[in-house]
């Protein structure tokens, strides 16, 4: 499960930020996880509470926001959901597109006291 390693890195990164900013406690952590990132949100959630134990993140509420897998057609320039249909543009049917979103794994927000 690579999510454990990812979560350790997330917790370490947040701890470094809060240490530099003299934060007493983290109340809330918001993560963005793309639908095609290869990361299982449920596993991150489980690992987060294990990795946060004994840190300033221990009591933090974890919010995970899923980021849709969106592409933009190179032919007609329409944006579309890559997971609906067959990875082809629903407007013109072409299958040549650029990835706009969906592979993210970001620490989006921290609420601290």
C-alpha atoms as a PDB file:
ATOM      1  CA  UNK A   1       0.000   0.000   0.000  1.00  0.00           C
ATOM      2  CA  UNK A   2       1.833   3.093  -1.231  1.00  0.00           C
ATOM      3  CA  UNK A   3      -0.729   5.310   0.497  1.00  0.00           C
ATOM      4  CA  UNK A   4       1.076   4.790   3.812  1.00  0.00           C
ATOM      5  CA  UNK A   5       4.266   6.313   2.403  1.00  0.00           C
ATOM      6  CA  UNK A   6       2.322   9.136   0.772  1.00  0.00           C
ATOM      7  CA  UNK A   7       0.500   9.871   4.007  1.00  0.00           C
ATOM      8  CA  UNK A   8       3.741   9.903   5.993  1.00  0.00           C
ATOM      9  CA  UNK A   9       5.065  12.480   3.531  1.00  0.00           C
ATOM     10  CA  UNK A  10       1.886  14.558   3.850  1.00  0.00           C
ATOM     11  CA  UNK A  11       2.082  14.518   7.655  1.00  0.00           C
ATOM     12  CA  UNK A  12       5.819  15.324   7.585  1.00  0.00           C
ATOM     13  CA  UNK A  13       5.248  18.223   5.180  1.00  0.00           C
ATOM     14  CA  UNK A  14       2.462  19.662   7.318  1.00  0.00           C
ATOM     15  CA  UNK A  15       4.539  19.263  10.477  1.00  0.00           C
ATOM     16  CA  UNK A  16       7.403  21.171   8.865  1.00  0.00           C
ATOM     17  CA  UNK A  17       5.067  24.015   7.846  1.00  0.00           C
ATOM     18  CA  UNK A  18       3.460  24.261  11.285  1.00  0.00           C
ATOM     19  CA  UNK A  19       6.836  24.109  13.017  1.00  0.00           C
ATOM     20  CA  UNK A  20       8.116  27.033  10.908  1.00  0.00           C
ATOM     21  CA  UNK A  21       4.984  29.023  11.736  1.00  0.00           C
ATOM     22  CA  UNK A  22       4.809  28.240  15.473  1.00  0.00           C
ATOM     23  CA  UNK A  23       1.418  26.548  15.186  1.00  0.00           C
ATOM     24  CA  UNK A  24       0.049  24.920  18.333  1.00  0.00           C
ATOM     25  CA  UNK A  25      -2.476  22.585  16.739  1.00  0.00           C
ATOM     26  CA  UNK A  26      -3.900  21.706  13.341  1.00  0.00           C
ATOM     27  CA  UNK A  27      -7.689  21.663  13.413  1.00  0.00           C
ATOM     28  CA  UNK A  28      -8.417  20.732   9.810  1.00  0.00           C
ATOM     29  CA  UNK A  29      -6.529  19.373   6.808  1.00  0.00           C
ATOM     30  CA  UNK A  30      -8.006  19.499   3.311  1.00  0.00           C
ATOM     31  CA  UNK A  31      -6.501  17.241   0.656  1.00  0.00           C
ATOM     32  CA  UNK A  32      -7.308  17.134  -3.044  1.00  0.00           C
ATOM     33  CA  UNK A  33      -7.049  13.708  -4.655  1.00  0.00           C
ATOM     34  CA  UNK A  34      -7.590  13.242  -8.378  1.00  0.00           C
ATOM     35  CA  UNK A  35      -9.837  10.486  -9.636  1.00  0.00           C
ATOM     36  CA  UNK A  36      -7.056   9.022 -11.785  1.00  0.00           C
ATOM     37  CA  UNK A  37      -4.173   9.693  -9.395  1.00  0.00           C
ATOM     38  CA  UNK A  38      -3.888   6.057  -8.392  1.00  0.00           C
ATOM     39  CA  UNK A  39      -4.420   7.064  -4.759  1.00  0.00           C
ATOM     40  CA  UNK A  40      -7.241   5.540  -2.721  1.00  0.00           C
ATOM     41  CA  UNK A  41      -8.847   8.247  -0.538  1.00  0.00           C
ATOM     42  CA  UNK A  42     -10.094   5.678   1.979  1.00  0.00           C
ATOM     43  CA  UNK A  43      -6.562   4.356   2.483  1.00  0.00           C
ATOM     44  CA  UNK A  44      -5.176   7.896   2.881  1.00  0.00           C
ATOM     45  CA  UNK A  45      -7.863   8.600   5.475  1.00  0.00           C
ATOM     46  CA  UNK A  46      -7.025   5.456   7.455  1.00  0.00           C
ATOM     47  CA  UNK A  47      -3.271   6.082   7.244  1.00  0.00           C
ATOM     48  CA  UNK A  48      -3.636   9.761   8.151  1.00  0.00           C
ATOM     49  CA  UNK A  49      -4.972   9.022  11.615  1.00  0.00           C
ATOM     50  CA  UNK A  50      -2.258   6.428  12.203  1.00  0.00           C
ATOM     51  CA  UNK A  51       0.551   8.742  11.000  1.00  0.00           C
ATOM     52  CA  UNK A  52      -0.839  11.796  12.833  1.00  0.00           C
ATOM     53  CA  UNK A  53      -0.930  10.073  16.218  1.00  0.00           C
ATOM     54  CA  UNK A  54       1.285  11.920  18.702  1.00  0.00           C
ATOM     55  CA  UNK A  55       1.675  15.001  16.467  1.00  0.00           C
ATOM     56  CA  UNK A  56       0.000  18.430  16.253  1.00  0.00           C
ATOM     57  CA  UNK A  57      -2.263  16.803  13.637  1.00  0.00           C
ATOM     58  CA  UNK A  58      -3.622  14.157  15.988  1.00  0.00           C
ATOM     59  CA  UNK A  59      -7.005  15.864  16.539  1.00  0.00           C
ATOM     60  CA  UNK A  60      -7.305  17.338  13.050  1.00  0.00           C
ATOM     61  CA  UNK A  61     -10.380  16.749  10.931  1.00  0.00           C
ATOM     62  CA  UNK A  62      -9.377  15.378   7.519  1.00  0.00           C
ATOM     63  CA  UNK A  63     -11.422  16.466   4.513  1.00  0.00           C
ATOM     64  CA  UNK A  64     -10.725  14.814   1.179  1.00  0.00           C
ATOM     65  CA  UNK A  65     -11.963  16.473  -1.995  1.00  0.00           C
ATOM     66  CA  UNK A  66     -12.076  14.378  -5.144  1.00  0.00           C
ATOM     67  CA  UNK A  67     -10.876  16.133  -8.294  1.00  0.00           C
ATOM     68  CA  UNK A  68     -12.637  15.078 -11.471  1.00  0.00           C
ATOM     69  CA  UNK A  69     -10.648  13.600 -14.346  1.00  0.00           C
ATOM     70  CA  UNK A  70     -11.147  16.235 -17.027  1.00  0.00           C
ATOM     71  CA  UNK A  71      -9.750  16.408 -20.519  1.00  0.00           C
ATOM     72  CA  UNK A  72      -9.875  19.073 -23.199  1.00  0.00           C
ATOM     73  CA  UNK A  73     -10.381  17.955 -26.768  1.00  0.00           C
ATOM     74  CA  UNK A  74      -7.588  19.117 -29.091  1.00  0.00           C
ATOM     75  CA  UNK A  75      -9.999  19.255 -32.028  1.00  0.00           C
ATOM     76  CA  UNK A  76     -13.054  21.149 -30.726  1.00  0.00           C
ATOM     77  CA  UNK A  77     -11.505  22.395 -27.427  1.00  0.00           C
ATOM     78  CA  UNK A  78     -14.473  21.230 -25.312  1.00  0.00           C
ATOM     79  CA  UNK A  79     -13.795  20.051 -21.763  1.00  0.00           C
ATOM     80  CA  UNK A  80     -15.222  16.686 -20.778  1.00  0.00           C
ATOM     81  CA  UNK A  81     -15.181  14.089 -18.006  1.00  0.00           C
ATOM     82  CA  UNK A  82     -12.700  11.407 -19.022  1.00  0.00           C
ATOM     83  CA  UNK A  83     -14.413   8.727 -16.946  1.00  0.00           C
ATOM     84  CA  UNK A  84     -17.762   9.102 -18.685  1.00  0.00           C
ATOM     85  CA  UNK A  85     -17.781   7.302 -21.973  1.00  0.00           C
ATOM     86  CA  UNK A  86     -14.697   5.875 -23.618  1.00  0.00           C
ATOM     87  CA  UNK A  87     -12.074   8.625 -23.205  1.00  0.00           C
ATOM     88  CA  UNK A  88     -13.340  10.272 -26.404  1.00  0.00           C
ATOM     89  CA  UNK A  89     -14.790  13.745 -26.737  1.00  0.00           C
ATOM     90  CA  UNK A  90     -18.582  13.548 -26.418  1.00  0.00           C
ATOM     91  CA  UNK A  91     -18.938  16.612 -28.687  1.00  0.00           C
ATOM     92  CA  UNK A  92     -16.907  15.596 -31.737  1.00  0.00           C
ATOM     93  CA  UNK A  93     -15.924  11.985 -30.991  1.00  0.00           C
ATOM     94  CA  UNK A  94     -12.177  12.598 -31.309  1.00  0.00           C
ATOM     95  CA  UNK A  95      -9.865  10.772 -28.915  1.00  0.00           C
ATOM     96  CA  UNK A  96      -6.986  13.278 -28.867  1.00  0.00           C
ATOM     97  CA  UNK A  97      -7.112  15.381 -25.717  1.00  0.00           C
ATOM     98  CA  UNK A  98      -5.034  17.109 -23.048  1.00  0.00           C
ATOM     99  CA  UNK A  99      -5.390  16.217 -19.382  1.00  0.00           C
ATOM    100  CA  UNK A 100      -6.728  19.169 -17.378  1.00  0.00           C
ATOM    101  CA  UNK A 101      -7.199  17.562 -13.975  1.00  0.00           C
ATOM    102  CA  UNK A 102      -7.534  14.286 -12.145  1.00  0.00           C
ATOM    103  CA  UNK A 103      -3.971  13.294 -11.175  1.00  0.00           C
ATOM    104  CA  UNK A 104      -3.649  15.667  -8.206  1.00  0.00           C
ATOM    105  CA  UNK A 105      -2.551  14.906  -4.686  1.00  0.00           C
ATOM    106  CA  UNK A 106      -2.411  18.288  -2.969  1.00  0.00           C
ATOM    107  CA  UNK A 107      -2.492  19.668   0.519  1.00  0.00           C
ATOM    108  CA  UNK A 108      -5.103  22.304  -0.265  1.00  0.00           C
ATOM    109  CA  UNK A 109      -5.838  23.906   3.120  1.00  0.00           C
ATOM    110  CA  UNK A 110      -4.831  23.855   6.758  1.00  0.00           C
ATOM    111  CA  UNK A 111      -6.889  25.284   9.585  1.00  0.00           C
ATOM    112  CA  UNK A 112      -4.696  25.946  12.608  1.00  0.00           C
ATOM    113  CA  UNK A 113      -4.756  27.525  16.065  1.00  0.00           C
END
